[in-house]
Amino acid sequence: MTKLVGLTGSIGTGKSTVSKMFAEATVPIIDADLITHDLQKAGTDCYQALVNAFGPSIAGGDAIDRKALGQLVFNDATQLHRLNRVMDLYIRQAILNQINDYEHKAVPLAILDAPLLFEAGYEGYVDTTVFVSCDVDKQVQRIKLRNHVDTETAMNLIDQQWSQQIKQSLSKVVINNSGSISQTKQQVLKLLENLC
């Protein structure tokens, strides 16, 4: 029986950093973002479904033109809802396939790394949930640096998601990523001890 941990965070809180720490500790990761990228490659059913839903302007040669798609859904709740509806079925099936594979191989522990863990209802698949948090100032700094945007845009990106408070209240464990990398790593290793 595989113990499955749902890992989530908000934009800029450092969920990917924590996910890498689990991977370095040889814990297998089911990466919802990676699944999404793979599903949007040309030739997949998902690629075709997205082009059917949003038109040929998003059809890239090798994969969906994520920039063009992003411009269509950014600040448009209806289009974003449509995108999530199209993607959900494919992502959910791919996640379940990977979970079944780990169960079949009797892998003792695996991580489901999903930014929309709660929003998409994936928490029903996992045994426990972990939220990566950080101070809002630090979150804004990271978004500005990573996405090359100003403070206002960074705040808009944060406001488009469920708040850290909501996700934190739904999670069993919180890893605070406001300090140094080594402080975060200590929390991850302690959690691994408890899980194993």
N, C-alpha and C. Protein backbone atom coordinates (compact mmCIF):
# COMPACT_ATOMS: atom_id res chain seq x y z
N MET A 1 0.85 -1.20 0.00
CA MET A 1 0.00 0.00 0.00
C MET A 1 0.89 1.25 0.00
N THR A 2 0.76 2.05 -1.04
CA THR A 2 1.57 3.27 -1.15
C THR A 2 0.95 4.37 -0.31
N LYS A 3 1.78 5.00 0.55
CA LYS A 3 1.32 6.18 1.27
C LYS A 3 1.51 7.37 0.35
N LEU A 4 0.43 8.10 0.09
CA LEU A 4 0.48 9.21 -0.86
C LEU A 4 0.31 10.54 -0.13
N VAL A 5 1.25 11.45 -0.37
CA VAL A 5 1.24 12.77 0.26
C VAL A 5 0.91 13.82 -0.78
N GLY A 6 -0.11 14.62 -0.53
CA GLY A 6 -0.46 15.72 -1.42
C GLY A 6 0.33 16.96 -1.03
N LEU A 7 1.14 17.46 -1.96
CA LEU A 7 1.98 18.65 -1.71
C LEU A 7 1.44 19.82 -2.53
N THR A 8 1.18 20.94 -1.86
CA THR A 8 0.68 22.10 -2.58
C THR A 8 1.25 23.38 -1.98
N GLY A 9 0.97 24.48 -2.65
CA GLY A 9 1.41 25.79 -2.19
C GLY A 9 0.72 26.84 -3.03
N SER A 10 1.03 28.09 -2.78
CA SER A 10 0.52 29.17 -3.62
C SER A 10 1.67 29.64 -4.51
N ILE A 11 1.36 30.42 -5.52
CA ILE A 11 2.39 30.92 -6.43
C ILE A 11 3.48 31.64 -5.61
N GLY A 12 4.74 31.27 -5.86
CA GLY A 12 5.85 31.96 -5.21
C GLY A 12 6.17 31.53 -3.78
N THR A 13 5.47 30.52 -3.25
CA THR A 13 5.76 30.12 -1.86
C THR A 13 6.91 29.10 -1.79
N GLY A 14 7.23 28.46 -2.91
CA GLY A 14 8.38 27.55 -2.93
C GLY A 14 8.02 26.08 -2.91
N LYS A 15 6.83 25.75 -3.40
CA LYS A 15 6.40 24.35 -3.46
C LYS A 15 7.37 23.52 -4.30
N SER A 16 7.82 24.06 -5.42
CA SER A 16 8.74 23.33 -6.31
C SER A 16 10.07 23.03 -5.61
N THR A 17 10.53 23.97 -4.80
CA THR A 17 11.77 23.78 -4.04
C THR A 17 11.61 22.59 -3.09
N VAL A 18 10.47 22.55 -2.39
CA VAL A 18 10.20 21.46 -1.44
C VAL A 18 10.04 20.14 -2.19
N SER A 19 9.37 20.17 -3.33
CA SER A 19 9.19 18.97 -4.15
C SER A 19 10.54 18.40 -4.56
N LYS A 20 11.50 19.29 -4.95
CA LYS A 20 12.85 18.84 -5.33
C LYS A 20 13.55 18.18 -4.15
N MET A 21 13.31 18.70 -2.95
CA MET A 21 13.93 18.12 -1.74
C MET A 21 13.42 16.69 -1.50
N PHE A 22 12.14 16.46 -1.73
CA PHE A 22 11.59 15.11 -1.63
C PHE A 22 12.22 14.20 -2.69
N ALA A 23 12.34 14.74 -3.91
CA ALA A 23 12.93 13.96 -5.01
C ALA A 23 14.39 13.60 -4.70
N GLU A 24 15.13 14.55 -4.11
CA GLU A 24 16.53 14.30 -3.73
C GLU A 24 16.62 13.20 -2.67
N ALA A 25 15.55 13.06 -1.88
CA ALA A 25 15.50 12.00 -0.86
C ALA A 25 14.93 10.71 -1.46
N THR A 26 14.92 10.64 -2.79
CA THR A 26 14.48 9.48 -3.61
C THR A 26 13.01 9.11 -3.41
N VAL A 27 12.19 10.09 -3.07
CA VAL A 27 10.74 9.85 -3.02
C VAL A 27 10.18 10.16 -4.41
N PRO A 28 9.44 9.21 -5.03
CA PRO A 28 8.88 9.48 -6.36
C PRO A 28 7.83 10.59 -6.32
N ILE A 29 7.84 11.41 -7.37
CA ILE A 29 6.94 12.56 -7.46
C ILE A 29 5.97 12.38 -8.63
N ILE A 30 4.69 12.54 -8.34
CA ILE A 30 3.68 12.67 -9.40
C ILE A 30 3.48 14.18 -9.57
N ASP A 31 4.00 14.72 -10.66
CA ASP A 31 4.05 16.17 -10.85
C ASP A 31 2.90 16.62 -11.78
N ALA A 32 1.90 17.26 -11.19
CA ALA A 32 0.71 17.66 -11.97
C ALA A 32 1.07 18.66 -13.07
N ASP A 33 2.05 19.55 -12.81
CA ASP A 33 2.47 20.52 -13.84
C ASP A 33 3.13 19.81 -15.02
N LEU A 34 3.98 18.84 -14.70
CA LEU A 34 4.67 18.07 -15.74
C LEU A 34 3.65 17.27 -16.57
N ILE A 35 2.67 16.69 -15.87
CA ILE A 35 1.59 15.96 -16.56
C ILE A 35 0.87 16.89 -17.53
N THR A 36 0.57 18.10 -17.06
CA THR A 36 -0.13 19.10 -17.88
C THR A 36 0.67 19.41 -19.15
N HIS A 37 1.98 19.63 -18.98
CA HIS A 37 2.86 19.91 -20.13
C HIS A 37 2.84 18.75 -21.12
N ASP A 38 2.95 17.53 -20.61
CA ASP A 38 2.96 16.35 -21.48
C ASP A 38 1.64 16.20 -22.23
N LEU A 39 0.55 16.47 -21.54
CA LEU A 39 -0.77 16.33 -22.16
C LEU A 39 -0.99 17.35 -23.27
N GLN A 40 -0.28 18.49 -23.18
CA GLN A 40 -0.48 19.56 -24.17
C GLN A 40 0.46 19.43 -25.38
N LYS A 41 1.17 18.31 -25.45
CA LYS A 41 2.04 18.10 -26.62
C LYS A 41 1.20 17.74 -27.84
N ALA A 42 1.68 18.14 -29.00
CA ALA A 42 0.96 17.85 -30.25
C ALA A 42 0.77 16.35 -30.42
N GLY A 43 -0.40 15.98 -30.94
CA GLY A 43 -0.68 14.57 -31.19
C GLY A 43 -1.47 13.89 -30.08
N THR A 44 -1.63 14.58 -28.93
CA THR A 44 -2.41 13.98 -27.84
C THR A 44 -3.89 14.36 -28.00
N ASP A 45 -4.76 13.57 -27.38
CA ASP A 45 -6.20 13.88 -27.38
C ASP A 45 -6.46 15.22 -26.70
N CYS A 46 -5.70 15.49 -25.64
CA CYS A 46 -5.86 16.73 -24.89
C CYS A 46 -5.52 17.94 -25.76
N TYR A 47 -4.44 17.85 -26.52
CA TYR A 47 -4.04 18.93 -27.44
C TYR A 47 -5.20 19.26 -28.38
N GLN A 48 -5.78 18.21 -28.96
CA GLN A 48 -6.88 18.40 -29.91
C GLN A 48 -8.11 19.01 -29.22
N ALA A 49 -8.40 18.54 -28.01
CA ALA A 49 -9.55 19.06 -27.26
C ALA A 49 -9.38 20.56 -26.95
N LEU A 50 -8.15 20.97 -26.65
CA LEU A 50 -7.87 22.38 -26.34
C LEU A 50 -8.01 23.25 -27.60
N VAL A 51 -7.48 22.75 -28.72
CA VAL A 51 -7.60 23.50 -29.99
C VAL A 51 -9.08 23.62 -30.38
N ASN A 52 -9.84 22.54 -30.17
CA ASN A 52 -11.28 22.58 -30.46
C ASN A 52 -11.99 23.62 -29.58
N ALA A 53 -11.54 23.71 -28.32
CA ALA A 53 -12.21 24.61 -27.37
C ALA A 53 -11.81 26.08 -27.55
N PHE A 54 -10.53 26.32 -27.90
CA PHE A 54 -10.03 27.70 -27.91
C PHE A 54 -9.61 28.22 -29.29
N GLY A 55 -9.65 27.35 -30.30
CA GLY A 55 -9.34 27.82 -31.65
C GLY A 55 -7.89 27.61 -32.05
N PRO A 56 -7.61 27.75 -33.36
CA PRO A 56 -6.28 27.44 -33.91
C PRO A 56 -5.17 28.38 -33.44
N SER A 57 -5.50 29.53 -32.85
CA SER A 57 -4.46 30.49 -32.43
C SER A 57 -3.56 29.92 -31.33
N ILE A 58 -4.02 28.87 -30.62
CA ILE A 58 -3.20 28.29 -29.55
C ILE A 58 -2.42 27.06 -30.02
N ALA A 59 -2.60 26.68 -31.28
CA ALA A 59 -1.95 25.46 -31.80
C ALA A 59 -0.50 25.73 -32.17
N GLY A 60 0.42 25.29 -31.32
CA GLY A 60 1.84 25.39 -31.64
C GLY A 60 2.27 24.16 -32.42
N GLY A 61 3.48 24.17 -32.97
CA GLY A 61 3.96 23.04 -33.76
C GLY A 61 4.15 21.78 -32.93
N ASP A 62 4.88 21.92 -31.80
CA ASP A 62 5.19 20.77 -30.96
C ASP A 62 4.20 20.59 -29.81
N ALA A 63 3.60 21.71 -29.41
CA ALA A 63 2.70 21.69 -28.25
C ALA A 63 1.80 22.92 -28.28
N ILE A 64 0.84 22.93 -27.37
CA ILE A 64 -0.03 24.10 -27.24
C ILE A 64 0.84 25.33 -26.96
N ASP A 65 0.53 26.44 -27.62
CA ASP A 65 1.22 27.71 -27.37
C ASP A 65 0.70 28.25 -26.03
N ARG A 66 1.48 27.99 -24.98
CA ARG A 66 1.01 28.32 -23.62
C ARG A 66 0.86 29.83 -23.42
N LYS A 67 1.69 30.60 -24.11
CA LYS A 67 1.60 32.06 -23.99
C LYS A 67 0.28 32.55 -24.58
N ALA A 68 -0.05 32.05 -25.77
CA ALA A 68 -1.30 32.43 -26.43
C ALA A 68 -2.50 31.99 -25.60
N LEU A 69 -2.42 30.77 -25.05
CA LEU A 69 -3.50 30.26 -24.21
C LEU A 69 -3.62 31.09 -22.93
N GLY A 70 -2.48 31.43 -22.35
CA GLY A 70 -2.45 32.25 -21.14
C GLY A 70 -3.12 33.60 -21.34
N GLN A 71 -2.87 34.20 -22.51
CA GLN A 71 -3.47 35.51 -22.80
C GLN A 71 -5.00 35.40 -22.93
N LEU A 72 -5.48 34.26 -23.41
CA LEU A 72 -6.92 34.06 -23.55
C LEU A 72 -7.61 33.92 -22.19
N VAL A 73 -6.94 33.24 -21.26
CA VAL A 73 -7.60 32.93 -19.97
C VAL A 73 -7.27 33.93 -18.87
N PHE A 74 -6.17 34.71 -19.04
CA PHE A 74 -5.77 35.67 -18.01
C PHE A 74 -6.84 36.74 -17.86
N ASN A 75 -7.30 36.94 -16.65
CA ASN A 75 -8.34 37.94 -16.33
C ASN A 75 -9.69 37.63 -16.96
N ASP A 76 -9.91 36.39 -17.41
CA ASP A 76 -11.21 36.01 -17.96
C ASP A 76 -11.68 34.73 -17.27
N ALA A 77 -12.51 34.90 -16.26
CA ALA A 77 -12.93 33.77 -15.42
C ALA A 77 -13.65 32.69 -16.22
N THR A 78 -14.44 33.09 -17.21
CA THR A 78 -15.19 32.12 -18.03
C THR A 78 -14.24 31.23 -18.83
N GLN A 79 -13.25 31.87 -19.46
CA GLN A 79 -12.28 31.12 -20.27
C GLN A 79 -11.40 30.23 -19.39
N LEU A 80 -11.04 30.75 -18.20
CA LEU A 80 -10.23 29.96 -17.28
C LEU A 80 -11.00 28.72 -16.82
N HIS A 81 -12.28 28.91 -16.55
CA HIS A 81 -13.14 27.80 -16.13
C HIS A 81 -13.23 26.76 -17.26
N ARG A 82 -13.34 27.25 -18.48
CA ARG A 82 -13.40 26.35 -19.64
C ARG A 82 -12.10 25.55 -19.77
N LEU A 83 -10.96 26.23 -19.60
CA LEU A 83 -9.66 25.57 -19.68
C LEU A 83 -9.56 24.47 -18.62
N ASN A 84 -9.95 24.81 -17.39
CA ASN A 84 -9.87 23.84 -16.29
C ASN A 84 -10.78 22.64 -16.54
N ARG A 85 -11.93 22.90 -17.15
CA ARG A 85 -12.89 21.82 -17.44
C ARG A 85 -12.32 20.86 -18.49
N VAL A 86 -11.68 21.42 -19.52
CA VAL A 86 -11.09 20.59 -20.59
C VAL A 86 -9.93 19.76 -20.03
N MET A 87 -9.06 20.43 -19.25
CA MET A 87 -7.84 19.78 -18.76
C MET A 87 -8.11 18.76 -17.66
N ASP A 88 -9.11 19.02 -16.83
CA ASP A 88 -9.31 18.24 -15.60
C ASP A 88 -9.40 16.73 -15.85
N LEU A 89 -10.21 16.35 -16.81
CA LEU A 89 -10.43 14.92 -17.08
C LEU A 89 -9.12 14.21 -17.42
N TYR A 90 -8.32 14.86 -18.28
CA TYR A 90 -7.05 14.26 -18.73
C TYR A 90 -6.03 14.20 -17.60
N ILE A 91 -5.92 15.29 -16.83
CA ILE A 91 -4.96 15.34 -15.72
C ILE A 91 -5.33 14.29 -14.67
N ARG A 92 -6.61 14.26 -14.33
CA ARG A 92 -7.09 13.33 -13.30
C ARG A 92 -6.76 11.87 -13.69
N GLN A 93 -7.01 11.53 -14.95
CA GLN A 93 -6.75 10.15 -15.41
C GLN A 93 -5.26 9.83 -15.35
N ALA A 94 -4.43 10.80 -15.75
CA ALA A 94 -2.97 10.59 -15.75
C ALA A 94 -2.45 10.43 -14.31
N ILE A 95 -3.00 11.21 -13.38
CA ILE A 95 -2.61 11.10 -11.96
C ILE A 95 -2.99 9.72 -11.43
N LEU A 96 -4.23 9.30 -11.70
CA LEU A 96 -4.70 8.00 -11.23
C LEU A 96 -3.88 6.85 -11.81
N ASN A 97 -3.47 6.99 -13.09
CA ASN A 97 -2.63 5.96 -13.72
C ASN A 97 -1.30 5.82 -12.98
N GLN A 98 -0.70 6.98 -12.62
CA GLN A 98 0.59 6.95 -11.90
C GLN A 98 0.42 6.39 -10.49
N ILE A 99 -0.67 6.76 -9.81
CA ILE A 99 -0.94 6.23 -8.47
C ILE A 99 -1.06 4.71 -8.54
N ASN A 100 -1.84 4.22 -9.50
CA ASN A 100 -2.04 2.77 -9.68
C ASN A 100 -0.72 2.05 -9.95
N ASP A 101 0.14 2.72 -10.74
CA ASP A 101 1.45 2.15 -11.07
C ASP A 101 2.30 1.99 -9.82
N TYR A 102 2.31 3.02 -8.96
CA TYR A 102 3.09 2.95 -7.71
C TYR A 102 2.52 1.91 -6.76
N GLU A 103 1.19 1.82 -6.73
CA GLU A 103 0.53 0.79 -5.89
C GLU A 103 0.96 -0.60 -6.36
N HIS A 104 0.93 -0.79 -7.68
CA HIS A 104 1.28 -2.08 -8.29
C HIS A 104 2.72 -2.47 -7.98
N LYS A 105 3.61 -1.44 -7.98
CA LYS A 105 5.03 -1.70 -7.71
C LYS A 105 5.33 -1.71 -6.20
N ALA A 106 4.30 -1.51 -5.38
CA ALA A 106 4.44 -1.49 -3.91
C ALA A 106 5.45 -0.44 -3.44
N VAL A 107 5.41 0.73 -4.07
CA VAL A 107 6.26 1.86 -3.64
C VAL A 107 5.72 2.35 -2.29
N PRO A 108 6.58 2.45 -1.25
CA PRO A 108 6.06 2.77 0.08
C PRO A 108 5.52 4.20 0.24
N LEU A 109 6.16 5.16 -0.47
CA LEU A 109 5.79 6.58 -0.30
C LEU A 109 5.92 7.32 -1.61
N ALA A 110 4.94 8.14 -1.94
CA ALA A 110 5.02 8.97 -3.14
C ALA A 110 4.38 10.33 -2.85
N ILE A 111 4.79 11.33 -3.63
CA ILE A 111 4.28 12.69 -3.47
C ILE A 111 3.44 13.06 -4.68
N LEU A 112 2.23 13.58 -4.45
CA LEU A 112 1.44 14.19 -5.52
C LEU A 112 1.64 15.70 -5.41
N ASP A 113 2.46 16.24 -6.30
CA ASP A 113 2.80 17.66 -6.32
C ASP A 113 1.78 18.36 -7.22
N ALA A 114 0.84 19.09 -6.60
CA ALA A 114 -0.26 19.69 -7.37
C ALA A 114 -0.60 21.08 -6.85
N PRO A 115 -0.37 22.12 -7.66
CA PRO A 115 -0.71 23.48 -7.24
C PRO A 115 -2.20 23.62 -6.91
N LEU A 116 -3.06 22.90 -7.65
CA LEU A 116 -4.51 22.98 -7.44
C LEU A 116 -5.04 21.76 -6.68
N LEU A 117 -4.27 21.28 -5.72
CA LEU A 117 -4.64 20.08 -4.96
C LEU A 117 -6.07 20.16 -4.41
N PHE A 118 -6.38 21.26 -3.75
CA PHE A 118 -7.70 21.43 -3.13
C PHE A 118 -8.75 21.92 -4.14
N GLU A 119 -8.34 22.87 -4.98
CA GLU A 119 -9.27 23.43 -5.95
C GLU A 119 -9.83 22.36 -6.90
N ALA A 120 -8.97 21.41 -7.27
CA ALA A 120 -9.38 20.35 -8.22
C ALA A 120 -9.93 19.12 -7.50
N GLY A 121 -9.84 19.10 -6.18
CA GLY A 121 -10.37 17.96 -5.41
C GLY A 121 -9.46 16.74 -5.40
N TYR A 122 -8.15 16.94 -5.67
CA TYR A 122 -7.22 15.81 -5.67
C TYR A 122 -6.90 15.33 -4.26
N GLU A 123 -7.25 16.13 -3.24
CA GLU A 123 -6.93 15.72 -1.86
C GLU A 123 -7.62 14.41 -1.49
N GLY A 124 -8.67 14.05 -2.23
CA GLY A 124 -9.37 12.79 -2.01
C GLY A 124 -8.52 11.57 -2.36
N TYR A 125 -7.45 11.79 -3.13
CA TYR A 125 -6.58 10.68 -3.55
C TYR A 125 -5.45 10.41 -2.56
N VAL A 126 -5.20 11.35 -1.63
CA VAL A 126 -3.99 11.27 -0.80
C VAL A 126 -4.31 10.94 0.66
N ASP A 127 -3.27 10.49 1.37
CA ASP A 127 -3.42 10.12 2.78
C ASP A 127 -3.22 11.31 3.71
N THR A 128 -2.39 12.26 3.27
CA THR A 128 -2.19 13.48 4.06
C THR A 128 -1.81 14.62 3.12
N THR A 129 -1.95 15.86 3.62
CA THR A 129 -1.71 17.03 2.78
C THR A 129 -0.67 17.95 3.42
N VAL A 130 0.22 18.49 2.57
CA VAL A 130 1.29 19.38 3.03
C VAL A 130 1.20 20.68 2.24
N PHE A 131 1.20 21.80 2.96
CA PHE A 131 1.16 23.11 2.32
C PHE A 131 2.47 23.85 2.57
N VAL A 132 3.06 24.40 1.51
CA VAL A 132 4.28 25.19 1.63
C VAL A 132 3.88 26.66 1.70
N SER A 133 4.22 27.29 2.82
CA SER A 133 3.84 28.69 3.03
C SER A 133 5.08 29.58 3.07
N CYS A 134 4.87 30.89 2.93
CA CYS A 134 5.94 31.86 3.18
C CYS A 134 5.31 33.23 3.40
N ASP A 135 6.12 34.18 3.91
CA ASP A 135 5.64 35.54 4.13
C ASP A 135 5.22 36.14 2.79
N VAL A 136 4.19 36.96 2.82
CA VAL A 136 3.67 37.57 1.58
C VAL A 136 4.74 38.43 0.90
N ASP A 137 5.52 39.18 1.67
CA ASP A 137 6.57 40.02 1.08
C ASP A 137 7.55 39.17 0.27
N LYS A 138 7.93 38.06 0.86
CA LYS A 138 8.86 37.13 0.20
C LYS A 138 8.20 36.52 -1.05
N GLN A 139 6.91 36.18 -0.92
CA GLN A 139 6.15 35.62 -2.03
C GLN A 139 6.15 36.60 -3.21
N VAL A 140 5.86 37.87 -2.95
CA VAL A 140 5.83 38.91 -3.99
C VAL A 140 7.20 39.05 -4.64
N GLN A 141 8.26 39.09 -3.82
CA GLN A 141 9.63 39.19 -4.34
C GLN A 141 9.95 38.04 -5.31
N ARG A 142 9.60 36.84 -4.89
CA ARG A 142 9.89 35.66 -5.72
C ARG A 142 9.15 35.70 -7.05
N ILE A 143 7.87 36.10 -7.01
CA ILE A 143 7.07 36.18 -8.25
C ILE A 143 7.66 37.23 -9.18
N LYS A 144 8.04 38.38 -8.64
CA LYS A 144 8.62 39.46 -9.45
C LYS A 144 9.90 38.99 -10.13
N LEU A 145 10.72 38.27 -9.38
CA LEU A 145 12.00 37.79 -9.89
C LEU A 145 11.81 36.70 -10.95
N ARG A 146 10.92 35.74 -10.64
CA ARG A 146 10.73 34.59 -11.53
C ARG A 146 9.94 34.95 -12.79
N ASN A 147 8.91 35.77 -12.63
CA ASN A 147 8.02 36.08 -13.77
C ASN A 147 8.35 37.40 -14.46
N HIS A 148 9.37 38.11 -13.94
CA HIS A 148 9.76 39.42 -14.49
C HIS A 148 8.57 40.37 -14.58
N VAL A 149 7.89 40.56 -13.44
CA VAL A 149 6.71 41.44 -13.40
C VAL A 149 6.87 42.46 -12.27
N ASP A 150 5.99 43.48 -12.28
CA ASP A 150 6.04 44.49 -11.21
C ASP A 150 5.20 44.02 -10.01
N THR A 151 5.23 44.81 -8.93
CA THR A 151 4.55 44.43 -7.69
C THR A 151 3.05 44.26 -7.90
N GLU A 152 2.45 45.17 -8.67
CA GLU A 152 0.99 45.12 -8.90
C GLU A 152 0.58 43.82 -9.60
N THR A 153 1.35 43.44 -10.63
CA THR A 153 1.05 42.19 -11.36
C THR A 153 1.25 40.99 -10.45
N ALA A 154 2.30 41.03 -9.63
CA ALA A 154 2.55 39.93 -8.69
C ALA A 154 1.38 39.77 -7.72
N MET A 155 0.87 40.90 -7.22
CA MET A 155 -0.27 40.86 -6.29
C MET A 155 -1.52 40.33 -7.00
N ASN A 156 -1.70 40.70 -8.26
CA ASN A 156 -2.84 40.21 -9.05
C ASN A 156 -2.77 38.69 -9.20
N LEU A 157 -1.57 38.18 -9.48
CA LEU A 157 -1.38 36.73 -9.63
C LEU A 157 -1.72 36.01 -8.32
N ILE A 158 -1.33 36.60 -7.20
CA ILE A 158 -1.65 36.02 -5.89
C ILE A 158 -3.16 36.04 -5.65
N ASP A 159 -3.79 37.17 -5.99
CA ASP A 159 -5.24 37.35 -5.74
C ASP A 159 -6.10 36.43 -6.59
N GLN A 160 -5.56 35.94 -7.71
CA GLN A 160 -6.33 35.05 -8.59
C GLN A 160 -6.45 33.64 -8.01
N GLN A 161 -5.64 33.34 -6.99
CA GLN A 161 -5.64 31.99 -6.40
C GLN A 161 -6.34 32.01 -5.05
N TRP A 162 -6.64 30.82 -4.56
CA TRP A 162 -7.10 30.71 -3.17
C TRP A 162 -5.99 31.25 -2.28
N SER A 163 -6.37 31.89 -1.18
CA SER A 163 -5.37 32.50 -0.29
C SER A 163 -4.55 31.43 0.43
N GLN A 164 -3.36 31.84 0.88
CA GLN A 164 -2.52 30.94 1.68
C GLN A 164 -3.28 30.47 2.92
N GLN A 165 -4.05 31.39 3.51
CA GLN A 165 -4.79 31.06 4.75
C GLN A 165 -5.77 29.91 4.52
N ILE A 166 -6.49 29.96 3.39
CA ILE A 166 -7.48 28.91 3.08
C ILE A 166 -6.77 27.57 2.89
N LYS A 167 -5.72 27.57 2.06
CA LYS A 167 -5.01 26.32 1.78
C LYS A 167 -4.35 25.76 3.05
N GLN A 168 -3.82 26.67 3.86
CA GLN A 168 -3.17 26.26 5.11
C GLN A 168 -4.18 25.61 6.05
N SER A 169 -5.38 26.18 6.09
CA SER A 169 -6.41 25.64 7.00
C SER A 169 -6.88 24.26 6.56
N LEU A 170 -6.74 23.95 5.27
CA LEU A 170 -7.17 22.65 4.74
C LEU A 170 -6.07 21.58 4.84
N SER A 171 -4.84 22.02 5.13
CA SER A 171 -3.69 21.11 5.12
C SER A 171 -3.40 20.54 6.50
N LYS A 172 -2.92 19.29 6.51
CA LYS A 172 -2.55 18.63 7.77
C LYS A 172 -1.19 19.13 8.28
N VAL A 173 -0.27 19.39 7.33
CA VAL A 173 1.10 19.81 7.69
C VAL A 173 1.44 21.08 6.92
N VAL A 174 2.14 22.01 7.60
CA VAL A 174 2.60 23.24 6.93
C VAL A 174 4.11 23.31 7.02
N ILE A 175 4.76 23.52 5.87
CA ILE A 175 6.21 23.76 5.83
C ILE A 175 6.40 25.25 5.56
N ASN A 176 7.05 25.92 6.50
CA ASN A 176 7.28 27.36 6.35
C ASN A 176 8.57 27.59 5.57
N ASN A 177 8.45 28.19 4.39
CA ASN A 177 9.58 28.39 3.50
C ASN A 177 10.00 29.87 3.47
N SER A 178 9.84 30.56 4.60
CA SER A 178 10.22 31.98 4.66
C SER A 178 11.69 32.16 5.00
N GLY A 179 12.30 31.13 5.61
CA GLY A 179 13.70 31.24 6.04
C GLY A 179 14.68 30.76 4.98
N SER A 180 15.78 30.21 5.45
CA SER A 180 16.84 29.73 4.54
C SER A 180 16.46 28.37 3.95
N ILE A 181 17.17 28.01 2.90
CA ILE A 181 16.97 26.70 2.26
C ILE A 181 17.21 25.58 3.28
N SER A 182 18.25 25.72 4.11
CA SER A 182 18.57 24.66 5.08
C SER A 182 17.46 24.53 6.14
N GLN A 183 16.84 25.65 6.51
CA GLN A 183 15.72 25.59 7.47
C GLN A 183 14.53 24.84 6.86
N THR A 184 14.28 25.09 5.58
CA THR A 184 13.19 24.39 4.88
C THR A 184 13.52 22.90 4.78
N LYS A 185 14.78 22.61 4.45
CA LYS A 185 15.20 21.21 4.29
C LYS A 185 15.04 20.43 5.60
N GLN A 186 15.35 21.08 6.72
CA GLN A 186 15.19 20.43 8.04
C GLN A 186 13.74 20.02 8.26
N GLN A 187 12.81 20.90 7.87
CA GLN A 187 11.38 20.60 8.03
C GLN A 187 10.97 19.42 7.14
N VAL A 188 11.52 19.39 5.92
CA VAL A 188 11.21 18.30 4.97
C VAL A 188 11.72 16.96 5.51
N LEU A 189 12.96 16.96 6.00
CA LEU A 189 13.56 15.73 6.52
C LEU A 189 12.82 15.22 7.76
N LYS A 190 12.38 16.17 8.60
CA LYS A 190 11.61 15.79 9.80
C LYS A 190 10.28 15.16 9.39
N LEU A 191 9.65 15.77 8.38
CA LEU A 191 8.38 15.23 7.88
C LEU A 191 8.58 13.83 7.30
N LEU A 192 9.66 13.65 6.56
CA LEU A 192 9.98 12.33 5.98
C LEU A 192 10.14 11.28 7.07
N GLU A 193 10.82 11.65 8.15
CA GLU A 193 10.98 10.74 9.30
C GLU A 193 9.62 10.30 9.83
N ASN A 194 8.74 11.28 10.00
CA ASN A 194 7.39 10.99 10.52
C ASN A 194 6.58 10.12 9.57
N LEU A 195 6.74 10.38 8.26
CA LEU A 195 5.99 9.63 7.26
C LEU A 195 6.48 8.18 7.15
N CYS A 196 7.78 7.99 7.34
CA CYS A 196 8.35 6.65 7.20
C CYS A 196 8.30 5.88 8.50
